[in-house]
Amino acid sequence: MEANTGASEVSLSKFPDSSESEFSYSASRNRLLVAISMAESEGYVATRDALIELLKELEASKLTRLPCETHDSK
């Protein structure tokens, strides 16, 4: 019985509940949209295009974290 409880705890820690994932997805998407807007206003076409590709990837896979968000762990 204890092994099953441990396994479910591991599953919960690996896969956060959907409300947390949706919040992270929404926050990541909003940050990308702001970055795209800033890149457009500064005339950085290559940066804007790269950010748009990242936004498409985020929306396609519903990533919960952006690859560049590693600074959060510090």
PDB file of N, CA and C in Angstrom:
ATOM      1  N   MET A   1       0.822  -1.194   0.000  1.00  0.00           N
ATOM      2  CA  MET A   1       0.000   0.000   0.000  1.00  0.00           C
ATOM      3  C   MET A   1       0.864   1.255   0.000  1.00  0.00           C
ATOM      4  N   GLU A   2       1.939   1.256   0.786  1.00  0.00           N
ATOM      5  CA  GLU A   2       2.775   2.449   0.868  1.00  0.00           C
ATOM      6  C   GLU A   2       3.444   2.756  -0.470  1.00  0.00           C
ATOM      7  N   ALA A   3       3.807   1.720  -1.202  1.00  0.00           N
ATOM      8  CA  ALA A   3       4.453   1.935  -2.500  1.00  0.00           C
ATOM      9  C   ALA A   3       3.504   2.654  -3.455  1.00  0.00           C
ATOM     10  N   ASN A   4       2.225   2.285  -3.426  1.00  0.00           N
ATOM     11  CA  ASN A   4       1.248   2.954  -4.282  1.00  0.00           C
ATOM     12  C   ASN A   4       1.101   4.417  -3.917  1.00  0.00           C
ATOM     13  N   THR A   5       1.093   4.722  -2.631  1.00  0.00           N
ATOM     14  CA  THR A   5       0.980   6.111  -2.189  1.00  0.00           C
ATOM     15  C   THR A   5       2.189   6.901  -2.668  1.00  0.00           C
ATOM     16  N   GLY A   6       3.369   6.321  -2.536  1.00  0.00           N
ATOM     17  CA  GLY A   6       4.586   6.985  -3.002  1.00  0.00           C
ATOM     18  C   GLY A   6       4.550   7.241  -4.497  1.00  0.00           C
ATOM     19  N   ALA A   7       4.049   6.277  -5.241  1.00  0.00           N
ATOM     20  CA  ALA A   7       3.977   6.428  -6.692  1.00  0.00           C
ATOM     21  C   ALA A   7       3.033   7.559  -7.076  1.00  0.00           C
ATOM     22  N   SER A   8       1.907   7.672  -6.375  1.00  0.00           N
ATOM     23  CA  SER A   8       0.975   8.746  -6.709  1.00  0.00           C
ATOM     24  C   SER A   8       1.556  10.105  -6.341  1.00  0.00           C
ATOM     25  N   GLU A   9       2.354  10.159  -5.278  1.00  0.00           N
ATOM     26  CA  GLU A   9       3.002  11.422  -4.913  1.00  0.00           C
ATOM     27  C   GLU A   9       4.005  11.833  -5.983  1.00  0.00           C
ATOM     28  N   VAL A  10       4.735  10.869  -6.516  1.00  0.00           N
ATOM     29  CA  VAL A  10       5.690  11.163  -7.586  1.00  0.00           C
ATOM     30  C   VAL A  10       4.947  11.672  -8.809  1.00  0.00           C
ATOM     31  N   SER A  11       3.844  11.031  -9.157  1.00  0.00           N
ATOM     32  CA  SER A  11       3.064  11.454 -10.313  1.00  0.00           C
ATOM     33  C   SER A  11       2.574  12.884 -10.145  1.00  0.00           C
ATOM     34  N   LEU A  12       2.100  13.211  -8.954  1.00  0.00           N
ATOM     35  CA  LEU A  12       1.603  14.559  -8.717  1.00  0.00           C
ATOM     36  C   LEU A  12       2.712  15.589  -8.830  1.00  0.00           C
ATOM     37  N   SER A  13       3.903  15.251  -8.366  1.00  0.00           N
ATOM     38  CA  SER A  13       4.989  16.221  -8.443  1.00  0.00           C
ATOM     39  C   SER A  13       5.500  16.373  -9.879  1.00  0.00           C
ATOM     40  N   LYS A  14       5.443  15.301 -10.665  1.00  0.00           N
ATOM     41  CA  LYS A  14       5.895  15.386 -12.054  1.00  0.00           C
ATOM     42  C   LYS A  14       4.882  16.121 -12.924  1.00  0.00           C
ATOM     43  N   PHE A  15       3.629  15.946 -12.640  1.00  0.00           N
ATOM     44  CA  PHE A  15       2.573  16.519 -13.457  1.00  0.00           C
ATOM     45  C   PHE A  15       1.704  17.435 -12.603  1.00  0.00           C
ATOM     46  N   PRO A  16       1.979  18.732 -12.639  1.00  0.00           N
ATOM     47  CA  PRO A  16       1.190  19.656 -11.824  1.00  0.00           C
ATOM     48  C   PRO A  16      -0.269  19.665 -12.270  1.00  0.00           C
ATOM     49  N   ASP A  17      -1.133  20.123 -11.390  1.00  0.00           N
ATOM     50  CA  ASP A  17      -2.549  20.152 -11.760  1.00  0.00           C
ATOM     51  C   ASP A  17      -2.764  21.117 -12.927  1.00  0.00           C
ATOM     52  N   SER A  18      -3.863  20.939 -13.620  1.00  0.00           N
ATOM     53  CA  SER A  18      -4.098  21.691 -14.852  1.00  0.00           C
ATOM     54  C   SER A  18      -4.197  23.192 -14.613  1.00  0.00           C
ATOM     55  N   SER A  19      -4.706  23.628 -13.471  1.00  0.00           N
ATOM     56  CA  SER A  19      -4.830  25.064 -13.232  1.00  0.00           C
ATOM     57  C   SER A  19      -3.460  25.716 -13.163  1.00  0.00           C
ATOM     58  N   GLU A  20      -2.481  25.039 -12.552  1.00  0.00           N
ATOM     59  CA  GLU A  20      -1.121  25.574 -12.491  1.00  0.00           C
ATOM     60  C   GLU A  20      -0.508  25.618 -13.887  1.00  0.00           C
ATOM     61  N   SER A  21      -0.727  24.582 -14.681  1.00  0.00           N
ATOM     62  CA  SER A  21      -0.194  24.537 -16.040  1.00  0.00           C
ATOM     63  C   SER A  21      -0.801  25.640 -16.894  1.00  0.00           C
ATOM     64  N   GLU A  22      -2.101  25.835 -16.781  1.00  0.00           N
ATOM     65  CA  GLU A  22      -2.766  26.878 -17.552  1.00  0.00           C
ATOM     66  C   GLU A  22      -2.245  28.252 -17.170  1.00  0.00           C
ATOM     67  N   PHE A  23      -2.004  28.485 -15.877  1.00  0.00           N
ATOM     68  CA  PHE A  23      -1.473  29.776 -15.436  1.00  0.00           C
ATOM     69  C   PHE A  23      -0.085  29.987 -16.015  1.00  0.00           C
ATOM     70  N   SER A  24       0.774  28.971 -15.946  1.00  0.00           N
ATOM     71  CA  SER A  24       2.133  29.082 -16.473  1.00  0.00           C
ATOM     72  C   SER A  24       2.112  29.300 -17.979  1.00  0.00           C
ATOM     73  N   TYR A  25       1.242  28.587 -18.671  1.00  0.00           N
ATOM     74  CA  TYR A  25       1.120  28.740 -20.121  1.00  0.00           C
ATOM     75  C   TYR A  25       0.677  30.152 -20.454  1.00  0.00           C
ATOM     76  N   SER A  26      -0.333  30.642 -19.749  1.00  0.00           N
ATOM     77  CA  SER A  26      -0.858  31.978 -20.009  1.00  0.00           C
ATOM     78  C   SER A  26       0.190  33.047 -19.730  1.00  0.00           C
ATOM     79  N   ALA A  27       0.909  32.915 -18.620  1.00  0.00           N
ATOM     80  CA  ALA A  27       1.946  33.887 -18.271  1.00  0.00           C
ATOM     81  C   ALA A  27       3.074  33.852 -19.297  1.00  0.00           C
ATOM     82  N   SER A  28       3.479  32.664 -19.729  1.00  0.00           N
ATOM     83  CA  SER A  28       4.539  32.535 -20.735  1.00  0.00           C
ATOM     84  C   SER A  28       4.101  33.152 -22.057  1.00  0.00           C
ATOM     85  N   ARG A  29       2.855  32.895 -22.438  1.00  0.00           N
ATOM     86  CA  ARG A  29       2.325  33.439 -23.688  1.00  0.00           C
ATOM     87  C   ARG A  29       2.289  34.964 -23.624  1.00  0.00           C
ATOM     88  N   ASN A  30       1.845  35.506 -22.507  1.00  0.00           N
ATOM     89  CA  ASN A  30       1.782  36.960 -22.361  1.00  0.00           C
ATOM     90  C   ASN A  30       3.168  37.586 -22.434  1.00  0.00           C
ATOM     91  N   ARG A  31       4.156  36.965 -21.791  1.00  0.00           N
ATOM     92  CA  ARG A  31       5.528  37.486 -21.859  1.00  0.00           C
ATOM     93  C   ARG A  31       6.048  37.464 -23.289  1.00  0.00           C
ATOM     94  N   LEU A  32       5.722  36.401 -24.037  1.00  0.00           N
ATOM     95  CA  LEU A  32       6.150  36.330 -25.435  1.00  0.00           C
ATOM     96  C   LEU A  32       5.488  37.410 -26.273  1.00  0.00           C
ATOM     97  N   LEU A  33       4.205  37.650 -26.061  1.00  0.00           N
ATOM     98  CA  LEU A  33       3.509  38.685 -26.824  1.00  0.00           C
ATOM     99  C   LEU A  33       4.100  40.063 -26.548  1.00  0.00           C
ATOM    100  N   VAL A  34       4.448  40.339 -25.303  1.00  0.00           N
ATOM    101  CA  VAL A  34       5.089  41.611 -24.955  1.00  0.00           C
ATOM    102  C   VAL A  34       6.454  41.708 -25.631  1.00  0.00           C
ATOM    103  N   ALA A  35       7.224  40.627 -25.592  1.00  0.00           N
ATOM    104  CA  ALA A  35       8.549  40.626 -26.220  1.00  0.00           C
ATOM    105  C   ALA A  35       8.444  40.840 -27.729  1.00  0.00           C
ATOM    106  N   ILE A  36       7.452  40.224 -28.363  1.00  0.00           N
ATOM    107  CA  ILE A  36       7.238  40.411 -29.804  1.00  0.00           C
ATOM    108  C   ILE A  36       6.907  41.867 -30.094  1.00  0.00           C
ATOM    109  N   SER A  37       6.030  42.449 -29.305  1.00  0.00           N
ATOM    110  CA  SER A  37       5.655  43.851 -29.480  1.00  0.00           C
ATOM    111  C   SER A  37       6.862  44.772 -29.326  1.00  0.00           C
ATOM    112  N   MET A  38       7.691  44.509 -28.318  1.00  0.00           N
ATOM    113  CA  MET A  38       8.890  45.319 -28.098  1.00  0.00           C
ATOM    114  C   MET A  38       9.860  45.169 -29.270  1.00  0.00           C
ATOM    115  N   ALA A  39      10.034  43.947 -29.761  1.00  0.00           N
ATOM    116  CA  ALA A  39      10.939  43.717 -30.888  1.00  0.00           C
ATOM    117  C   ALA A  39      10.451  44.456 -32.131  1.00  0.00           C
ATOM    118  N   GLU A  40       9.138  44.434 -32.363  1.00  0.00           N
ATOM    119  CA  GLU A  40       8.576  45.142 -33.511  1.00  0.00           C
ATOM    120  C   GLU A  40       8.801  46.643 -33.392  1.00  0.00           C
ATOM    121  N   SER A  41       8.597  47.197 -32.198  1.00  0.00           N
ATOM    122  CA  SER A  41       8.743  48.642 -32.020  1.00  0.00           C
ATOM    123  C   SER A  41      10.191  49.091 -32.171  1.00  0.00           C
ATOM    124  N   GLU A  42      11.129  48.194 -31.901  1.00  0.00           N
ATOM    125  CA  GLU A  42      12.550  48.523 -32.038  1.00  0.00           C
ATOM    126  C   GLU A  42      13.089  48.175 -33.426  1.00  0.00           C
ATOM    127  N   GLY A  43      12.273  47.527 -34.245  1.00  0.00           N
ATOM    128  CA  GLY A  43      12.688  47.185 -35.599  1.00  0.00           C
ATOM    129  C   GLY A  43      13.532  45.925 -35.711  1.00  0.00           C
ATOM    130  N   TYR A  44      13.490  45.065 -34.702  1.00  0.00           N
ATOM    131  CA  TYR A  44      14.272  43.828 -34.729  1.00  0.00           C
ATOM    132  C   TYR A  44      13.460  42.719 -35.380  1.00  0.00           C
ATOM    133  N   VAL A  45      13.518  42.645 -36.701  1.00  0.00           N
ATOM    134  CA  VAL A  45      12.709  41.688 -37.450  1.00  0.00           C
ATOM    135  C   VAL A  45      13.112  40.252 -37.130  1.00  0.00           C
ATOM    136  N   ALA A  46      14.407  39.966 -37.090  1.00  0.00           N
ATOM    137  CA  ALA A  46      14.870  38.600 -36.823  1.00  0.00           C
ATOM    138  C   ALA A  46      14.436  38.150 -35.433  1.00  0.00           C
ATOM    139  N   THR A  47      14.548  39.041 -34.453  1.00  0.00           N
ATOM    140  CA  THR A  47      14.125  38.715 -33.090  1.00  0.00           C
ATOM    141  C   THR A  47      12.625  38.466 -33.050  1.00  0.00           C
ATOM    142  N   ARG A  48      11.866  39.327 -33.712  1.00  0.00           N
ATOM    143  CA  ARG A  48      10.412  39.171 -33.748  1.00  0.00           C
ATOM    144  C   ARG A  48      10.036  37.831 -34.361  1.00  0.00           C
ATOM    145  N   ASP A  49      10.673  37.489 -35.482  1.00  0.00           N
ATOM    146  CA  ASP A  49      10.361  36.223 -36.151  1.00  0.00           C
ATOM    147  C   ASP A  49      10.696  35.023 -35.266  1.00  0.00           C
ATOM    148  N   ALA A  50      11.819  35.093 -34.558  1.00  0.00           N
ATOM    149  CA  ALA A  50      12.200  34.007 -33.651  1.00  0.00           C
ATOM    150  C   ALA A  50      11.202  33.886 -32.505  1.00  0.00           C
ATOM    151  N   LEU A  51      10.755  35.014 -31.978  1.00  0.00           N
ATOM    152  CA  LEU A  51       9.775  34.992 -30.892  1.00  0.00           C
ATOM    153  C   LEU A  51       8.433  34.450 -31.374  1.00  0.00           C
ATOM    154  N   ILE A  52       8.045  34.794 -32.582  1.00  0.00           N
ATOM    155  CA  ILE A  52       6.790  34.275 -33.137  1.00  0.00           C
ATOM    156  C   ILE A  52       6.865  32.757 -33.286  1.00  0.00           C
ATOM    157  N   GLU A  53       8.017  32.240 -33.732  1.00  0.00           N
ATOM    158  CA  GLU A  53       8.194  30.788 -33.838  1.00  0.00           C
ATOM    159  C   GLU A  53       8.096  30.123 -32.463  1.00  0.00           C
ATOM    160  N   LEU A  54       8.693  30.759 -31.450  1.00  0.00           N
ATOM    161  CA  LEU A  54       8.622  30.220 -30.095  1.00  0.00           C
ATOM    162  C   LEU A  54       7.184  30.245 -29.580  1.00  0.00           C
ATOM    163  N   LEU A  55       6.441  31.302 -29.901  1.00  0.00           N
ATOM    164  CA  LEU A  55       5.035  31.387 -29.508  1.00  0.00           C
ATOM    165  C   LEU A  55       4.225  30.274 -30.173  1.00  0.00           C
ATOM    166  N   LYS A  56       4.485  30.018 -31.449  1.00  0.00           N
ATOM    167  CA  LYS A  56       3.784  28.932 -32.146  1.00  0.00           C
ATOM    168  C   LYS A  56       4.074  27.587 -31.487  1.00  0.00           C
ATOM    169  N   GLU A  57       5.346  27.380 -31.116  1.00  0.00           N
ATOM    170  CA  GLU A  57       5.729  26.132 -30.444  1.00  0.00           C
ATOM    171  C   GLU A  57       5.034  26.016 -29.090  1.00  0.00           C
ATOM    172  N   LEU A  58       4.978  27.121 -28.367  1.00  0.00           N
ATOM    173  CA  LEU A  58       4.310  27.143 -27.065  1.00  0.00           C
ATOM    174  C   LEU A  58       2.840  26.787 -27.213  1.00  0.00           C
ATOM    175  N   GLU A  59       2.173  27.406 -28.181  1.00  0.00           N
ATOM    176  CA  GLU A  59       0.749  27.149 -28.380  1.00  0.00           C
ATOM    177  C   GLU A  59       0.492  25.730 -28.879  1.00  0.00           C
ATOM    178  N   ALA A  60       1.397  25.196 -29.691  1.00  0.00           N
ATOM    179  CA  ALA A  60       1.219  23.844 -30.228  1.00  0.00           C
ATOM    180  C   ALA A  60       1.396  22.779 -29.153  1.00  0.00           C
ATOM    181  N   SER A  61       2.335  22.996 -28.263  1.00  0.00           N
ATOM    182  CA  SER A  61       2.641  21.961 -27.279  1.00  0.00           C
ATOM    183  C   SER A  61       2.143  22.291 -25.882  1.00  0.00           C
ATOM    184  N   LYS A  62       1.644  23.514 -25.688  1.00  0.00           N
ATOM    185  CA  LYS A  62       1.210  23.980 -24.363  1.00  0.00           C
ATOM    186  C   LYS A  62       2.324  23.782 -23.341  1.00  0.00           C
ATOM    187  N   LEU A  63       3.548  24.186 -23.720  1.00  0.00           N
ATOM    188  CA  LEU A  63       4.674  24.129 -22.787  1.00  0.00           C
ATOM    189  C   LEU A  63       4.310  24.903 -21.529  1.00  0.00           C
ATOM    190  N   THR A  64       4.753  24.429 -20.388  1.00  0.00           N
ATOM    191  CA  THR A  64       4.456  25.147 -19.151  1.00  0.00           C
ATOM    192  C   THR A  64       5.566  26.106 -18.781  1.00  0.00           C
ATOM    193  N   ARG A  65       6.745  25.932 -19.381  1.00  0.00           N
ATOM    194  CA  ARG A  65       7.863  26.844 -19.125  1.00  0.00           C
ATOM    195  C   ARG A  65       8.595  27.114 -20.432  1.00  0.00           C
ATOM    196  N   LEU A  66       9.055  28.321 -20.596  1.00  0.00           N
ATOM    197  CA  LEU A  66       9.871  28.648 -21.750  1.00  0.00           C
ATOM    198  C   LEU A  66      11.287  28.134 -21.520  1.00  0.00           C
ATOM    199  N   PRO A  67      11.979  27.725 -22.576  1.00  0.00           N
ATOM    200  CA  PRO A  67      13.346  27.228 -22.412  1.00  0.00           C
ATOM    201  C   PRO A  67      14.279  28.230 -21.741  1.00  0.00           C
ATOM    202  N   CYS A  68      14.033  29.520 -21.896  1.00  0.00           N
ATOM    203  CA  CYS A  68      14.925  30.542 -21.342  1.00  0.00           C
ATOM    204  C   CYS A  68      14.597  30.896 -19.894  1.00  0.00           C
ATOM    205  N   GLU A  69      13.646  30.220 -19.268  1.00  0.00           N
ATOM    206  CA  GLU A  69      13.238  30.556 -17.909  1.00  0.00           C
ATOM    207  C   GLU A  69      14.062  29.848 -16.833  1.00  0.00           C
ATOM    208  N   THR A  70      15.264  29.444 -17.137  1.00  0.00           N
ATOM    209  CA  THR A  70      16.080  28.729 -16.160  1.00  0.00           C
ATOM    210  C   THR A  70      16.525  29.625 -15.019  1.00  0.00           C
ATOM    211  N   HIS A  71      16.482  30.947 -15.186  1.00  0.00           N
ATOM    212  CA  HIS A  71      16.902  31.863 -14.126  1.00  0.00           C
ATOM    213  C   HIS A  71      15.970  31.825 -12.923  1.00  0.00           C
ATOM    214  N   ASP A  72      14.757  31.282 -13.084  1.00  0.00           N
ATOM    215  CA  ASP A  72      13.805  31.198 -11.970  1.00  0.00           C
ATOM    216  C   ASP A  72      14.323  30.322 -10.834  1.00  0.00           C
ATOM    217  N   SER A  73      15.191  29.371 -11.140  1.00  0.00           N
ATOM    218  CA  SER A  73      15.665  28.438 -10.117  1.00  0.00           C
ATOM    219  C   SER A  73      16.733  29.048  -9.219  1.00  0.00           C
ATOM    220  N   LYS A  74      17.257  30.203  -9.606  1.00  0.00           N
ATOM    221  CA  LYS A  74      18.316  30.831  -8.798  1.00  0.00           C
ATOM    222  C   LYS A  74      17.758  31.554  -7.605  1.00  0.00           C
TER     223      LYS A  74
END
